[in-house]
Amino acid sequence: LPMKSGYTCGGSTVPTAVAEAAEAAGLQPARSYGMTECPCVSGPDRFDPKEVLVYKQKTGSVVGFPGTKKVSNEELLELAVEILSPAALENQITSENAPRIKAKISAECANGPTTPEADDILYKKGVLVIPDILANGGGVTVSYFEWVQDLNRDHWSEAVVNEKLKEIMVKAFTSVLAIARREQIDMRTAAYLLAVQRVADAMAMRGLYP
């Protein structure tokens, strides 16, 4: 859902954004962006993500949410927003629609929402694609947190989990962005380079063993 341009929250300008999902993968970026996500729905105002989710649970769909109009999924992806978050299915952004993507940033909350051909097109257009391996890595990171708590017979509050998660994700994003800028490559390739390097470093440090 795009918000009004220039919308402010806490004194800061919030960018226009749209997330292609109505469940957990789309709800979290919606909260982060200060907007809501509704597949096939568009409106000019800011919506409360919780209200949209409640509406969907009651009606089975987000279509018809007050103050919105129905749009196709294709139209949703091509809306004139600053941040696009494909958070539903694979292969949503292809070589066919990539030239029409207007967002400046694409944060992939779904797994594999962008085809390799579309990736090249978006990179050449100057669209910053935050790849799925990075953008939706928070889920497996929190799974790791659960494992650590279980091993230690410990229990962290939600605030502690969120703070630890933020620290790791911000550090990961900063590291990937630095590689992308240094090597003049896209963020996905940079993320792969960083991942392979970390595995190589770990193997060199620990050695190979059965």
Protein backbone atom coordinates (compact mmCIF):
# COMPACT_ATOMS: atom_id res chain seq x y z
CA LEU A 1 0.00 0.00 0.00
CA PRO A 2 1.54 3.34 -0.94
CA MET A 3 1.28 6.10 1.60
CA LYS A 4 0.94 9.79 0.87
CA SER A 5 4.26 11.26 -0.18
CA GLY A 6 5.79 13.32 2.59
CA TYR A 7 3.93 11.48 5.33
CA THR A 8 5.73 12.08 8.62
CA CYS A 9 6.05 9.90 11.69
CA GLY A 10 7.79 11.16 14.81
CA GLY A 11 9.16 14.10 12.89
CA SER A 12 10.74 11.93 10.17
CA THR A 13 9.56 11.53 6.61
CA VAL A 14 8.39 8.01 5.85
CA PRO A 15 8.97 6.73 2.30
CA THR A 16 6.13 5.45 0.16
CA ALA A 17 6.15 1.67 0.10
CA VAL A 18 4.20 -1.40 -0.94
CA ALA A 19 4.45 -4.99 0.29
CA GLU A 20 3.07 -7.88 -1.75
CA ALA A 21 1.62 -10.09 0.98
CA ALA A 22 -0.97 -10.15 3.72
CA GLU A 23 0.59 -12.56 6.16
CA ALA A 24 3.73 -12.53 8.33
CA ALA A 25 6.20 -11.86 5.52
CA GLY A 26 4.32 -8.77 4.43
CA LEU A 27 3.12 -7.63 7.83
CA GLN A 28 6.58 -7.10 9.30
CA PRO A 29 7.86 -4.79 6.55
CA ALA A 30 4.54 -3.00 6.72
CA ARG A 31 5.13 -2.25 10.38
CA SER A 32 8.71 -1.21 9.66
CA TYR A 33 7.73 1.15 6.86
CA GLY A 34 4.92 2.70 8.87
CA MET A 35 2.34 1.53 6.35
CA THR A 36 0.32 -1.56 5.63
CA GLU A 37 0.45 -4.29 3.05
CA CYS A 38 -2.50 -5.46 1.01
CA PRO A 39 -2.24 -7.58 -2.12
CA CYS A 40 -4.69 -6.32 -4.74
CA VAL A 41 -5.58 -3.22 -2.73
CA SER A 42 -4.33 0.31 -3.10
CA GLY A 43 -5.12 3.55 -1.34
CA PRO A 44 -3.67 7.01 -0.77
CA ASP A 45 -3.55 6.92 3.02
CA ARG A 46 -1.55 5.19 5.70
CA PHE A 47 -3.25 2.09 7.10
CA ASP A 48 -2.74 0.25 10.35
CA PRO A 49 -1.32 -3.20 9.47
CA LYS A 50 -3.10 -4.78 12.43
CA GLU A 51 -6.47 -3.47 11.27
CA VAL A 52 -5.90 -4.83 7.78
CA LEU A 53 -4.92 -8.24 9.16
CA VAL A 54 -8.03 -8.34 11.37
CA TYR A 55 -10.15 -7.43 8.34
CA LYS A 56 -8.58 -10.27 6.35
CA GLN A 57 -9.16 -12.77 9.15
CA LYS A 58 -12.82 -11.78 9.32
CA THR A 59 -13.54 -11.65 5.60
CA GLY A 60 -10.92 -13.96 4.12
CA SER A 61 -9.51 -11.18 1.95
CA VAL A 62 -8.02 -7.70 2.18
CA VAL A 63 -10.05 -6.60 -0.83
CA GLY A 64 -12.72 -4.16 0.28
CA PHE A 65 -10.79 -2.73 3.20
CA PRO A 66 -12.21 0.77 3.85
CA GLY A 67 -10.47 3.54 1.93
CA THR A 68 -8.89 1.28 -0.68
CA LYS A 69 -9.47 0.28 -4.26
CA LYS A 70 -8.81 -3.06 -5.89
CA VAL A 71 -5.75 -3.40 -8.12
CA SER A 72 -4.18 -6.40 -9.80
CA ASN A 73 -0.99 -7.97 -8.52
CA GLU A 74 0.76 -6.78 -11.66
CA GLU A 75 -0.32 -3.19 -10.96
CA LEU A 76 0.75 -3.50 -7.33
CA LEU A 77 4.32 -4.40 -8.27
CA GLU A 78 4.55 -1.46 -10.65
CA LEU A 79 3.20 1.25 -8.36
CA ALA A 80 5.21 4.46 -8.14
CA VAL A 81 6.65 3.94 -4.66
CA GLU A 82 10.11 4.21 -3.17
CA ILE A 83 10.20 0.78 -1.53
CA LEU A 84 8.78 -2.44 -2.99
CA SER A 85 8.69 -5.58 -0.85
CA PRO A 86 7.80 -8.70 -2.87
CA ALA A 87 6.78 -10.92 0.03
CA ALA A 88 4.49 -13.54 -1.48
CA LEU A 89 5.61 -15.91 -4.25
CA GLU A 90 8.60 -16.82 -6.39
CA ASN A 91 9.26 -15.28 -9.80
CA GLN A 92 7.01 -12.25 -9.39
CA ILE A 93 9.47 -9.82 -10.94
CA THR A 94 10.56 -11.05 -14.36
CA SER A 95 12.26 -9.74 -17.47
CA GLU A 96 8.78 -8.81 -18.71
CA ASN A 97 7.77 -6.46 -15.87
CA ALA A 98 11.18 -5.46 -14.46
CA PRO A 99 11.53 -2.51 -16.90
CA ARG A 100 8.28 -1.09 -15.45
CA ILE A 101 9.29 -1.36 -11.78
CA LYS A 102 9.33 2.19 -10.39
CA ALA A 103 10.54 1.50 -6.85
CA LYS A 104 14.03 2.61 -5.87
CA ILE A 105 14.47 -0.27 -3.43
CA SER A 106 13.21 -3.86 -3.66
CA ALA A 107 13.41 -5.74 -0.35
CA GLU A 108 12.79 -9.42 -1.04
CA CYS A 109 10.83 -10.87 1.87
CA ALA A 110 9.72 -13.83 -0.24
CA ASN A 111 12.09 -16.54 -1.41
CA GLY A 112 13.21 -16.00 -4.99
CA PRO A 113 10.69 -13.34 -6.04
CA THR A 114 13.03 -11.97 -8.72
CA THR A 115 14.28 -13.98 -11.70
CA PRO A 116 17.98 -13.76 -12.69
CA GLU A 117 17.05 -11.89 -15.87
CA ALA A 118 15.01 -9.36 -13.89
CA ASP A 119 17.87 -9.01 -11.42
CA ASP A 120 20.14 -7.76 -14.20
CA ILE A 121 17.53 -5.33 -15.45
CA LEU A 122 16.88 -3.86 -12.01
CA TYR A 123 20.61 -3.51 -11.31
CA LYS A 124 21.17 -1.65 -14.56
CA LYS A 125 18.20 0.60 -13.73
CA GLY A 126 19.81 1.51 -10.43
CA VAL A 127 17.23 -0.27 -8.26
CA LEU A 128 18.75 -1.43 -4.97
CA VAL A 129 17.64 -5.05 -4.55
CA ILE A 130 18.03 -6.34 -0.99
CA PRO A 131 18.18 -10.08 -1.77
CA ASP A 132 16.07 -12.68 -0.03
CA ILE A 133 19.12 -14.29 1.56
CA LEU A 134 19.56 -11.03 3.46
CA ALA A 135 16.13 -9.41 3.63
CA ASN A 136 14.29 -12.42 5.07
CA GLY A 137 17.19 -13.79 7.09
CA GLY A 138 15.62 -12.58 10.32
CA GLY A 139 13.44 -15.67 10.63
CA VAL A 140 16.27 -18.19 10.70
CA THR A 141 18.27 -15.84 12.93
CA VAL A 142 15.51 -15.90 15.54
CA SER A 143 15.37 -19.70 15.17
CA TYR A 144 19.04 -19.67 16.14
CA PHE A 145 18.17 -17.50 19.14
CA GLU A 146 15.61 -20.11 20.20
CA TRP A 147 18.26 -22.83 19.96
CA VAL A 148 20.68 -20.80 22.08
CA GLN A 149 18.03 -20.15 24.73
CA ASP A 150 17.17 -23.85 24.83
CA LEU A 151 20.82 -24.86 25.27
CA ASN A 152 21.24 -22.38 28.12
CA ARG A 153 17.83 -23.08 29.68
CA ASP A 154 17.21 -19.36 29.30
CA HIS A 155 14.33 -17.16 28.18
CA TRP A 156 14.73 -13.80 26.46
CA SER A 157 12.05 -11.14 26.35
CA GLU A 158 10.71 -9.99 23.01
CA ALA A 159 12.57 -6.70 23.47
CA VAL A 160 15.87 -8.53 23.93
CA VAL A 161 15.22 -10.72 20.88
CA ASN A 162 14.37 -7.68 18.75
CA GLU A 163 17.46 -5.80 19.88
CA LYS A 164 19.79 -8.73 19.18
CA LEU A 165 18.10 -9.31 15.83
CA LYS A 166 18.44 -5.67 14.84
CA GLU A 167 22.14 -5.68 15.68
CA ILE A 168 22.82 -8.75 13.54
CA MET A 169 20.67 -7.68 10.59
CA VAL A 170 22.05 -4.14 10.47
CA LYS A 171 25.60 -5.49 10.62
CA ALA A 172 24.84 -8.00 7.85
CA PHE A 173 23.28 -5.35 5.62
CA THR A 174 26.20 -2.95 6.18
CA SER A 175 28.72 -5.68 5.35
CA VAL A 176 26.94 -6.72 2.16
CA LEU A 177 26.48 -3.12 1.03
CA ALA A 178 30.18 -2.41 1.59
CA ILE A 179 31.16 -5.37 -0.61
CA ALA A 180 28.68 -4.36 -3.31
CA ARG A 181 30.11 -0.85 -3.43
CA ARG A 182 33.73 -1.99 -3.29
CA GLU A 183 33.37 -4.60 -6.04
CA GLN A 184 30.78 -2.63 -8.04
CA ILE A 185 28.37 -5.56 -8.04
CA ASP A 186 24.74 -6.14 -7.11
CA MET A 187 23.71 -6.88 -3.52
CA ARG A 188 22.81 -10.52 -4.23
CA THR A 189 26.27 -11.33 -5.58
CA ALA A 190 27.82 -9.40 -2.70
CA ALA A 191 25.82 -11.47 -0.20
CA TYR A 192 27.05 -14.67 -1.84
CA LEU A 193 30.65 -13.45 -1.75
CA LEU A 194 30.37 -12.68 1.94
CA ALA A 195 28.75 -16.05 2.71
CA VAL A 196 31.36 -18.05 0.80
CA GLN A 197 34.19 -16.08 2.42
CA ARG A 198 32.83 -16.78 5.90
CA VAL A 199 32.61 -20.51 5.18
CA ALA A 200 36.15 -20.50 3.78
CA ASP A 201 37.45 -18.61 6.83
CA ALA A 202 35.74 -21.04 9.20
CA MET A 203 37.19 -24.05 7.36
CA ALA A 204 40.67 -22.52 7.40
CA MET A 205 40.41 -21.86 11.12
CA ARG A 206 38.89 -25.19 12.19
CA GLY A 207 40.29 -27.46 9.51
CA LEU A 208 38.53 -30.41 7.86
CA TYR A 209 37.38 -33.24 10.05
CA PRO A 210 35.09 -36.28 9.62
